[in-house]
Protein backbone atom coordinates (compact mmCIF):
# COMPACT_ATOMS: atom_id res chain seq x y z
CA MET A 1 -3.94 -8.26 -19.01
CA ASP A 2 -4.27 -7.15 -15.13
CA LYS A 3 0.03 -8.61 -14.36
CA VAL A 4 1.06 -6.90 -17.84
CA MET A 5 -0.32 -3.65 -16.86
CA ASN A 6 0.84 -3.66 -13.27
CA ARG A 7 3.92 -4.84 -14.12
CA GLN A 8 3.96 -1.68 -16.63
CA SER A 9 2.91 0.66 -13.70
CA LEU A 10 5.79 -0.97 -11.91
CA ILE A 11 7.97 0.16 -14.74
CA PHE A 12 6.73 3.58 -15.28
CA LEU A 13 7.28 4.34 -11.34
CA PHE A 14 11.22 3.05 -10.92
CA LEU A 15 11.89 5.01 -14.97
CA SER A 16 10.01 7.88 -12.78
CA CYS A 17 12.24 7.24 -9.30
CA LEU A 18 15.42 7.64 -11.53
CA SER A 19 14.01 10.90 -13.52
CA ALA A 20 13.56 12.05 -10.19
CA PHE A 21 16.74 11.46 -8.73
CA PRO A 22 19.67 12.70 -11.03
CA GLY A 23 23.16 10.69 -11.08
CA ASN A 24 25.77 11.32 -8.07
CA ALA A 25 22.69 12.91 -6.54
CA GLN A 26 22.47 12.97 -2.60
CA ILE A 27 19.41 13.40 -0.54
CA ILE A 28 19.75 14.92 2.93
CA LEU A 29 17.47 14.30 6.04
CA HIS A 30 16.64 16.90 8.49
CA SER A 31 14.26 15.01 11.01
CA ALA A 32 11.60 12.02 11.06
CA ASP A 33 8.92 14.29 9.66
CA GLU A 34 10.98 15.21 6.51
CA THR A 35 11.90 11.11 6.15
CA LYS A 36 8.19 10.70 6.13
CA ASP A 37 6.72 12.71 3.97
CA PHE A 38 9.62 11.88 1.67
CA ALA A 39 8.83 8.24 1.83
CA LEU A 40 5.09 9.19 1.61
CA LYS A 41 5.79 11.01 -1.90
CA TYR A 42 8.83 9.10 -3.42
CA ASN A 43 7.92 5.44 -2.45
CA ALA A 44 6.97 2.92 -5.24
CA GLY A 45 4.72 1.42 -2.90
CA ASN A 46 2.26 3.97 -2.15
CA LYS A 47 2.33 5.22 -5.67
CA VAL A 48 1.30 1.42 -6.76
CA GLN A 49 -1.67 2.05 -3.75
CA GLN A 50 -2.62 5.23 -5.39
CA LEU A 51 -2.71 3.85 -8.82
CA LYS A 52 -5.19 1.04 -7.44
CA THR A 53 -7.41 3.35 -5.96
CA THR A 54 -7.95 5.34 -8.99
CA GLN A 55 -8.46 2.15 -10.65
CA THR A 56 -11.32 1.59 -8.26
CA LYS A 57 -12.80 4.73 -8.60
CA GLN A 58 -12.41 4.27 -12.34
CA ASN A 59 -14.45 0.75 -11.75
CA LYS A 60 -17.12 2.47 -9.76
CA ARG A 61 -17.80 4.96 -12.84
CA THR A 62 -18.34 1.91 -15.10
CA ALA A 63 -20.39 -0.01 -12.46
CA ASN A 64 -22.55 3.02 -12.87
CA ALA A 65 -23.34 2.88 -16.71
CA PHE A 66 -26.60 1.24 -15.73
CA LEU A 67 -27.90 4.36 -14.88
CA PHE A 68 -27.84 5.68 -18.06
CA PRO A 69 -29.77 4.64 -21.07
CA ASN A 70 -28.13 2.50 -23.95
CA ILE A 71 -28.04 4.10 -27.44
CA SER A 72 -26.97 2.97 -30.66
CA ALA A 73 -27.69 3.64 -34.16
CA GLY A 74 -27.64 1.07 -36.85
CA ALA A 75 -28.57 -0.06 -40.39
CA SER A 76 -29.12 -3.49 -42.25
CA GLY A 77 -30.06 -4.31 -46.03
CA GLN A 78 -31.22 -7.87 -46.77
CA TYR A 79 -31.39 -9.42 -49.88
CA ASN A 80 -34.25 -12.48 -49.93
CA ILE A 81 -33.01 -15.23 -52.21
CA HIS A 82 -36.92 -16.46 -52.20
CA VAL A 83 -39.59 -13.80 -50.93
CA GLN A 84 -41.95 -15.63 -48.49
CA GLU A 85 -45.38 -16.77 -50.44
CA THR A 86 -48.56 -16.42 -48.30
CA PRO A 87 -51.91 -18.02 -49.01
CA VAL A 88 -54.75 -16.49 -48.99
CA PRO A 89 -58.39 -17.11 -50.40
CA GLY A 90 -58.97 -16.82 -53.94
CA GLU A 91 -62.09 -15.17 -53.81
CA LEU A 92 -59.45 -12.13 -53.17
CA MET A 93 -58.06 -12.71 -56.07
CA GLY A 94 -61.14 -13.75 -58.46
CA LYS A 95 -60.55 -17.48 -57.70
CA PRO A 96 -63.41 -18.71 -55.46
CA GLY A 97 -62.71 -22.12 -53.58
CA GLU A 98 -58.82 -21.76 -54.52
CA THR A 99 -56.33 -21.17 -52.06
CA VAL A 100 -53.86 -18.18 -54.47
CA PHE A 101 -50.29 -18.32 -52.82
CA LEU A 102 -49.46 -14.66 -52.89
CA LYS A 103 -45.45 -12.86 -52.35
CA PHE A 104 -45.85 -10.15 -50.03
CA GLY A 105 -42.46 -8.26 -50.25
CA LYS A 106 -39.90 -7.41 -51.88
CA ASP A 107 -36.08 -8.65 -52.89
CA TYR A 108 -34.30 -5.73 -50.88
CA ASN A 109 -35.11 -5.05 -47.75
CA TYR A 110 -32.96 -1.94 -45.78
CA THR A 111 -33.62 -0.69 -42.49
CA ALA A 112 -31.86 2.04 -40.46
CA GLY A 113 -32.56 4.02 -37.00
CA ILE A 114 -31.71 3.98 -33.21
CA ASN A 115 -31.80 1.49 -30.91
CA VAL A 116 -32.72 2.69 -27.09
CA ASN A 117 -32.33 -0.01 -24.21
CA TYR A 118 -33.14 1.61 -20.47
CA ASN A 119 -33.01 -0.38 -17.29
CA LEU A 120 -35.88 1.20 -14.83
CA LEU A 121 -35.48 -1.58 -12.86
CA ASN A 122 -32.79 -3.82 -12.03
CA TRP A 123 -31.15 -4.92 -8.49
CA THR A 124 -28.55 -6.56 -9.26
CA SER A 125 -27.10 -3.94 -11.42
CA VAL A 126 -27.84 -1.33 -8.27
CA PHE A 127 -25.69 -3.62 -6.16
CA GLU A 128 -23.25 -3.83 -7.91
CA SER A 129 -22.67 0.09 -8.30
CA LYS A 130 -22.97 -0.17 -4.32
CA THR A 131 -20.35 -2.94 -4.51
CA ALA A 132 -17.91 -0.70 -6.43
CA SER A 133 -18.12 2.62 -3.96
CA ALA A 134 -17.38 0.11 -1.42
CA GLN A 135 -14.83 -0.81 -2.95
CA VAL A 136 -13.62 2.45 -3.55
CA ASN A 137 -14.04 3.39 0.24
CA LEU A 138 -11.81 -0.40 0.94
CA GLN A 139 -8.90 0.64 -1.17
CA GLU A 140 -8.90 4.13 -0.20
CA SER A 141 -8.79 2.79 3.78
CA SER A 142 -5.81 0.50 2.45
CA GLU A 143 -3.88 3.09 1.04
CA SER A 144 -4.22 5.31 4.44
CA TYR A 145 -2.68 1.67 6.20
CA TYR A 146 -0.27 1.46 4.04
CA ALA A 147 0.94 4.79 5.06
CA GLN A 148 0.78 4.34 8.20
CA GLN A 149 3.01 1.39 7.78
CA LEU A 150 5.28 3.73 5.54
CA LYS A 151 5.80 5.46 7.91
CA GLN A 152 6.67 3.98 10.89
CA GLN A 153 8.92 1.84 8.42
CA ALA A 154 10.85 4.98 7.54
CA VAL A 155 10.54 6.75 10.93
CA GLN A 156 12.16 3.00 12.23
CA ALA A 157 15.14 3.72 9.25
CA TYR A 158 15.46 6.82 9.85
CA TYR A 159 16.20 6.37 13.96
CA ALA A 160 18.11 3.78 13.04
CA VAL A 161 20.56 5.35 11.11
CA VAL A 162 20.82 8.29 13.78
CA VAL A 163 21.51 5.57 16.28
CA SER A 164 24.61 4.09 14.06
CA GLN A 165 26.18 7.05 13.54
CA GLN A 166 25.71 8.16 17.31
CA ALA A 167 27.29 4.24 17.73
CA ILE A 168 30.50 5.14 15.17
CA ASP A 169 31.33 8.22 17.42
CA ILE A 170 30.83 6.59 20.53
CA TRP A 171 33.47 3.75 18.79
CA LYS A 172 35.78 7.08 17.11
CA GLN A 173 36.14 8.52 21.09
CA ASN A 174 36.92 4.93 22.51
CA LEU A 175 39.95 4.40 19.88
CA ALA A 176 40.71 7.78 20.48
CA VAL A 177 41.42 6.45 24.48
CA ALA A 178 42.61 3.00 23.03
CA ASP A 179 44.72 5.02 21.36
CA SER A 180 46.45 7.18 24.39
CA ILE A 181 46.80 4.13 26.40
CA LYS A 182 48.66 1.99 24.61
CA ASP A 183 50.97 4.85 24.01
CA LEU A 184 51.35 5.86 27.53
CA THR A 185 51.54 1.79 28.24
CA ASN A 186 54.65 2.04 25.52
CA LYS A 187 56.04 5.26 26.85
CA LYS A 188 56.09 3.28 30.86
CA PHE A 189 57.11 0.11 29.36
CA SER A 190 60.64 2.81 27.59
CA GLU A 191 60.61 3.52 31.50
CA GLY A 192 60.85 0.01 32.87
CA LEU A 193 57.61 0.64 34.74
CA VAL A 194 55.42 -1.90 32.62
CA ASP A 195 56.45 -5.53 31.24
CA LEU A 196 55.70 -6.76 28.03
CA LEU A 197 52.22 -8.28 28.89
CA SER A 198 50.78 -4.43 29.38
CA VAL A 199 52.08 -3.75 26.24
CA ASN A 200 50.11 -6.45 24.62
CA GLN A 201 47.42 -5.89 26.56
CA ALA A 202 46.87 -2.37 25.38
CA GLU A 203 47.52 -3.49 21.71
CA ILE A 204 44.87 -6.02 21.98
CA ASN A 205 42.31 -3.78 23.71
CA ARG A 206 42.80 -1.34 20.98
CA LYS A 207 42.07 -3.94 17.78
CA ASP A 208 39.32 -5.28 19.82
CA VAL A 209 37.67 -1.22 19.63
CA GLN A 210 38.68 -0.67 15.91
CA GLN A 211 36.94 -3.97 15.35
CA GLN A 212 33.96 -2.43 17.14
CA LEU A 213 34.26 0.86 15.22
CA ASP A 214 34.21 -1.79 12.21
CA ARG A 215 31.74 -3.13 12.42
CA ALA A 216 29.73 -0.16 13.53
CA GLN A 217 30.50 1.11 10.19
CA LEU A 218 28.94 -1.96 8.87
CA TYR A 219 26.06 -1.63 10.79
CA LEU A 220 25.83 1.92 9.95
CA ASP A 221 25.98 1.28 5.88
CA GLN A 222 22.86 -1.37 6.65
CA CYS A 223 21.09 0.82 8.14
CA GLN A 224 21.00 3.33 5.14
CA VAL A 225 20.35 0.71 2.76
CA GLN A 226 17.27 0.25 4.66
CA LEU A 227 16.95 3.75 4.76
CA LYS A 228 16.70 3.84 0.88
CA SER A 229 14.77 0.90 0.46
CA VAL A 230 11.86 2.45 2.52
CA LEU A 231 12.29 5.67 0.27
CA SER A 232 12.70 3.72 -2.93
CA ILE A 233 16.22 6.11 -3.43
CA PRO A 234 18.01 4.49 -6.24
CA ASP A 235 21.67 3.26 -5.08
CA SER A 236 23.33 5.80 -7.44
CA VAL A 237 22.28 8.15 -4.68
CA SER A 238 23.23 8.76 -1.31
CA VAL A 239 21.10 9.67 1.61
CA SER A 240 22.18 11.68 4.63
CA VAL A 241 20.77 12.33 8.32
CA ILE A 242 21.83 15.32 9.74
CA GLU A 243 20.42 14.96 12.69
CA LYS A 244 22.87 13.78 15.89
CA GLN A 245 21.55 11.68 18.65
CA ALA A 246 21.79 13.91 21.75
CA PHE A 247 23.36 11.88 25.04
CA ALA A 248 20.71 13.77 26.83
CA PRO A 249 17.61 12.42 28.93
CA VAL A 250 15.23 11.60 26.78
CA GLU A 251 11.24 13.11 26.95
CA ALA A 252 8.00 11.69 27.00
CA ASP A 253 5.94 13.01 23.71
CA GLN A 254 2.45 14.67 23.96
CA LEU A 255 1.15 11.85 21.25
CA SER A 256 -2.27 11.26 20.70
CA LEU A 257 -2.97 8.29 19.19
CA LEU A 258 -5.29 8.08 15.78
CA PRO A 259 -7.23 4.93 15.21
CA ASP A 260 -5.45 2.28 13.51
CA LYS A 261 -6.15 2.27 9.57
CA GLU A 262 -5.81 -1.97 10.10
CA ALA A 263 -9.32 -1.68 11.46
CA GLY A 264 -10.95 0.74 8.56
CA VAL A 265 -9.61 -2.06 5.91
CA TYR A 266 -11.26 -4.85 8.09
CA LYS A 267 -14.73 -2.54 8.16
CA ASN A 268 -14.24 -1.83 4.96
CA GLN A 269 -14.25 -5.22 3.77
CA ALA A 270 -17.42 -5.99 5.98
CA SER A 271 -19.33 -2.95 3.76
CA VAL A 272 -18.05 -4.75 0.24
CA SER A 273 -19.35 -8.06 1.60
CA ASP A 274 -22.50 -7.00 2.25
CA TYR A 275 -23.39 -5.21 -0.85
CA GLN A 276 -21.70 -8.74 -3.05
CA MET A 277 -23.94 -10.28 -0.82
CA LYS A 278 -27.21 -8.42 -1.35
CA ALA A 279 -26.78 -7.91 -5.22
CA ALA A 280 -26.44 -12.46 -4.88
CA ARG A 281 -30.21 -11.84 -3.32
CA SER A 282 -31.01 -9.96 -6.21
CA ALA A 283 -31.30 -12.47 -8.58
CA PHE A 284 -34.32 -13.34 -7.69
CA LEU A 285 -35.94 -9.88 -7.64
CA PRO A 286 -37.68 -8.79 -11.12
CA GLN A 287 -36.00 -7.15 -13.64
CA ILE A 288 -38.39 -4.34 -15.68
CA SER A 289 -35.97 -2.45 -19.04
CA LEU A 290 -37.43 -0.40 -21.17
CA LYS A 291 -36.86 -0.69 -24.80
CA GLY A 292 -37.47 1.61 -28.43
CA TYR A 293 -36.64 1.54 -32.03
CA PHE A 294 -36.80 4.80 -33.87
CA GLY A 295 -36.09 4.61 -37.77
CA SER A 296 -37.35 3.88 -41.06
CA TYR A 297 -36.99 1.08 -43.00
CA HIS A 298 -37.48 0.83 -47.39
CA TYR A 299 -38.40 -2.03 -49.89
CA SER A 300 -36.77 -1.97 -52.97
CA ASP A 301 -36.41 -4.74 -56.48
CA ASN A 302 -32.99 -3.45 -56.57
CA ILE A 303 -29.60 -3.57 -54.88
CA ASP A 304 -29.15 0.29 -54.59
CA PRO A 305 -31.22 1.95 -51.65
CA SER A 306 -32.61 4.84 -52.61
CA PHE A 307 -33.13 8.29 -49.71
CA GLY A 308 -36.53 9.66 -50.80
CA SER A 309 -39.92 9.25 -49.59
CA ASN A 310 -40.00 5.40 -50.35
CA TRP A 311 -38.53 5.22 -46.53
CA LYS A 312 -41.26 4.47 -44.28
CA PRO A 313 -41.24 5.30 -40.54
CA LEU A 314 -40.78 2.27 -38.30
CA SER A 315 -40.88 3.15 -34.38
CA TYR A 316 -41.74 1.16 -31.65
CA VAL A 317 -41.11 1.65 -27.64
CA GLY A 318 -41.63 -1.44 -25.51
CA LEU A 319 -41.71 -2.53 -21.85
CA SER A 320 -40.07 -5.72 -20.23
CA VAL A 321 -40.50 -7.30 -17.37
CA SER A 322 -38.74 -10.93 -16.27
CA VAL A 323 -39.21 -12.69 -12.75
CA PRO A 324 -36.90 -15.50 -12.61
CA ILE A 325 -38.70 -18.14 -11.34
CA PHE A 326 -36.75 -21.00 -11.54
CA THR A 327 -32.97 -20.43 -12.37
CA GLY A 328 -31.38 -23.72 -10.59
CA PHE A 329 -29.60 -23.63 -7.73
CA ALA A 330 -26.09 -21.49 -8.99
CA ASN A 331 -27.56 -18.37 -7.70
CA LYS A 332 -29.14 -19.88 -4.11
CA SER A 333 -25.43 -21.34 -3.62
CA LYS A 334 -23.93 -18.05 -4.56
CA TYR A 335 -25.50 -16.03 -2.07
CA ASN A 336 -25.51 -18.90 0.78
CA ALA A 337 -21.57 -18.16 -0.07
CA SER A 338 -21.55 -14.39 -0.52
CA LYS A 339 -23.68 -14.78 3.43
CA ILE A 340 -20.31 -16.37 4.78
CA GLU A 341 -18.05 -14.01 3.27
CA LYS A 342 -19.70 -11.25 4.75
CA GLN A 343 -19.87 -13.08 8.20
CA MET A 344 -16.03 -13.79 8.03
CA ALA A 345 -15.57 -10.11 7.04
CA LEU A 346 -17.57 -9.25 10.34
CA ASN A 347 -15.78 -11.10 12.66
CA ASN A 348 -12.13 -9.88 11.44
CA TYR A 349 -13.15 -6.06 11.57
CA GLN A 350 -14.24 -7.52 15.24
CA GLU A 351 -10.97 -8.90 16.07
CA ALA A 352 -9.24 -5.99 14.75
CA ILE A 353 -10.58 -3.92 16.73
CA ARG A 354 -10.13 -5.43 19.91
CA ASN A 355 -6.85 -6.25 18.86
CA SER A 356 -6.52 -2.76 18.19
CA GLN A 357 -8.09 -1.51 21.79
CA ILE A 358 -5.63 -4.11 22.99
CA ASN A 359 -2.20 -3.11 20.89
CA ASP A 360 -2.76 0.46 21.86
CA SER A 361 -2.69 -0.07 25.74
CA GLN A 362 0.19 -2.37 25.24
CA LEU A 363 2.04 0.55 23.09
CA TRP A 364 1.81 3.29 26.17
CA ARG A 365 2.97 0.77 28.30
CA ARG A 366 5.97 -0.29 25.68
CA TYR A 367 6.65 3.80 24.99
CA TYR A 368 6.79 4.62 28.76
CA SER A 369 8.82 1.47 29.70
CA ALA A 370 11.33 1.66 26.97
CA LEU A 371 11.59 5.61 27.33
CA ARG A 372 12.23 4.86 31.56
CA VAL A 373 15.13 2.02 30.50
CA ALA A 374 16.48 4.41 28.21
CA ASN A 375 17.03 7.13 30.34
CA ILE A 376 18.33 4.85 33.59
CA THR A 377 20.72 3.21 30.63
CA LEU A 378 22.02 6.94 30.06
CA GLU A 379 22.47 7.85 33.65
CA LYS A 380 24.73 4.27 34.24
CA LEU A 381 27.05 5.65 31.28
CA LYS A 382 27.77 8.92 32.48
CA LEU A 383 28.80 6.89 35.99
CA SER A 384 30.56 4.71 33.58
CA GLU A 385 32.44 7.67 31.69
CA GLN A 386 33.09 9.37 35.17
CA ASN A 387 34.59 5.82 36.86
CA MET A 388 37.04 5.76 33.07
CA ALA A 389 38.19 9.16 33.86
CA LEU A 390 39.09 8.25 37.57
CA ALA A 391 41.13 4.90 36.42
CA LEU A 392 43.17 6.53 33.68
CA ARG A 393 43.94 9.19 35.80
CA LYS A 394 45.44 6.34 38.19
CA TYR A 395 46.72 4.60 36.02
CA GLU A 396 48.98 7.49 34.94
CA GLU A 397 49.46 7.87 38.53
CA GLY A 398 50.83 4.44 38.52
CA LEU A 399 48.33 3.42 41.17
CA THR A 400 46.21 0.32 39.66
CA GLY A 401 47.59 -1.95 36.96
CA LEU A 402 46.82 -1.69 33.02
CA SER A 403 44.51 -4.82 33.93
CA ASP A 404 42.34 -2.88 36.82
CA TYR A 405 42.01 -0.47 33.55
CA LEU A 406 40.46 -2.26 31.07
CA ASN A 407 38.40 -3.55 33.29
CA THR A 408 37.18 -0.56 33.95
CA PHE A 409 37.05 0.06 30.33
CA ASP A 410 35.03 -2.93 29.36
CA ALA A 411 32.58 -2.23 31.52
CA ASN A 412 32.47 1.36 30.13
CA LEU A 413 32.12 -0.67 26.68
CA SER A 414 29.12 -3.03 28.02
CA ILE A 415 27.32 -0.07 29.47
CA GLN A 416 27.33 1.85 25.98
CA ASN A 417 26.43 -1.30 24.04
CA GLN A 418 23.27 -1.68 26.42
CA TYR A 419 22.76 2.17 26.07
CA LEU A 420 22.56 1.99 22.19
CA THR A 421 20.28 -1.19 22.16
CA ASP A 422 18.12 0.52 24.60
CA ALA A 423 17.89 3.89 22.76
CA SER A 424 17.29 2.16 19.84
CA GLN A 425 14.73 0.08 21.18
CA PHE A 426 13.15 3.42 21.92
CA ARG A 427 13.16 4.91 18.39
CA VAL A 428 11.57 1.62 17.52
CA VAL A 429 8.21 2.32 19.67
CA GLN A 430 7.98 5.99 19.10
CA ALA A 431 8.13 5.54 15.62
CA GLU A 432 5.45 3.20 16.22
CA MET A 433 3.52 5.98 17.58
CA GLU A 434 4.10 8.69 15.13
CA ALA A 435 2.90 6.77 11.99
CA ARG A 436 -0.33 7.21 14.35
CA ARG A 437 -0.28 10.92 14.70
């Protein structure tokens, strides 16, 4: 039943996403914060987490049902094929010394009334209710942790598109330079200043740049697909990122990290295990319940019940006390297993706290290290571009050969690739930190 409901929920979410994005629509993203908000609103997995939270709240209401009495109304009819005979002393019937069998009752018996049952003290139900409340907290913390991971994935996918678009721009500029070098070399060849070897080198260089541009375009397409997947955007809907990566030093953000949501999940798991252990232990405690019946009865010689004065009142109130003495070893084994489960949950929580402190410290180091590396690589890139301009001028003036210029050009390409890699790594760490804001 649960699998069928989950499948129906996923189908409903998929259809909802399709209806949210009409055909040939376009999603335009302007910032990382906008991407995070979009992911939290439309991501199918996040919607499932929200449904699970609603489900646990309904389970909590079910577990709290023991706080209210169970009231039911009922009526019954009985046909006595043989009315029971009861032996009585014959003196009552004028037959001293004999035993006489008399029938007390009628062929048809009818009863109608209201049953009331209420648990005055049932520790198992109490701790099951507390367990249900703890499971609500556990699911809410799981939803928060999922949202934290989702925001990180969304921002990383967003920055991947931003850096990929920057790579496209860089390779387009490189292709324009390669085209100009090819044209310049062909001109010099026609003037007899260079040989065919230089012409072929210029053409090979242009083709290499064209290949890199094609690879960059393919990578951009893959990043856009990844971004669509995180945002649960149908393939028929296009997504565009407006933000452009600036060729400027990156400044450190004044971020204050919130506690890692993962530790909260383990903490609430320990709380659930604690109440489950107490519920298992409560099987050894007494239970007190109150029951009552408020109704009437009627005896008749025929099948047709009447609704007159022949109905007599029948009401009672009873108190039940149940004290378990021996229930086998199942409850004891269940209690011992729940103690182990609680201890494992506590160990996981303590380990999560330690790991969170270590990871936070490492995260700050990674952040500042990636920032410094990206800025240094940017400085190298600017120097390399100056070298490119100087080498091109010397080649135009005939002071150097094409091979010397192409060496400078290749060195510049290498630094460009390094810059794109370092910028991507910085954005990955930055996304991880922004998910903790």
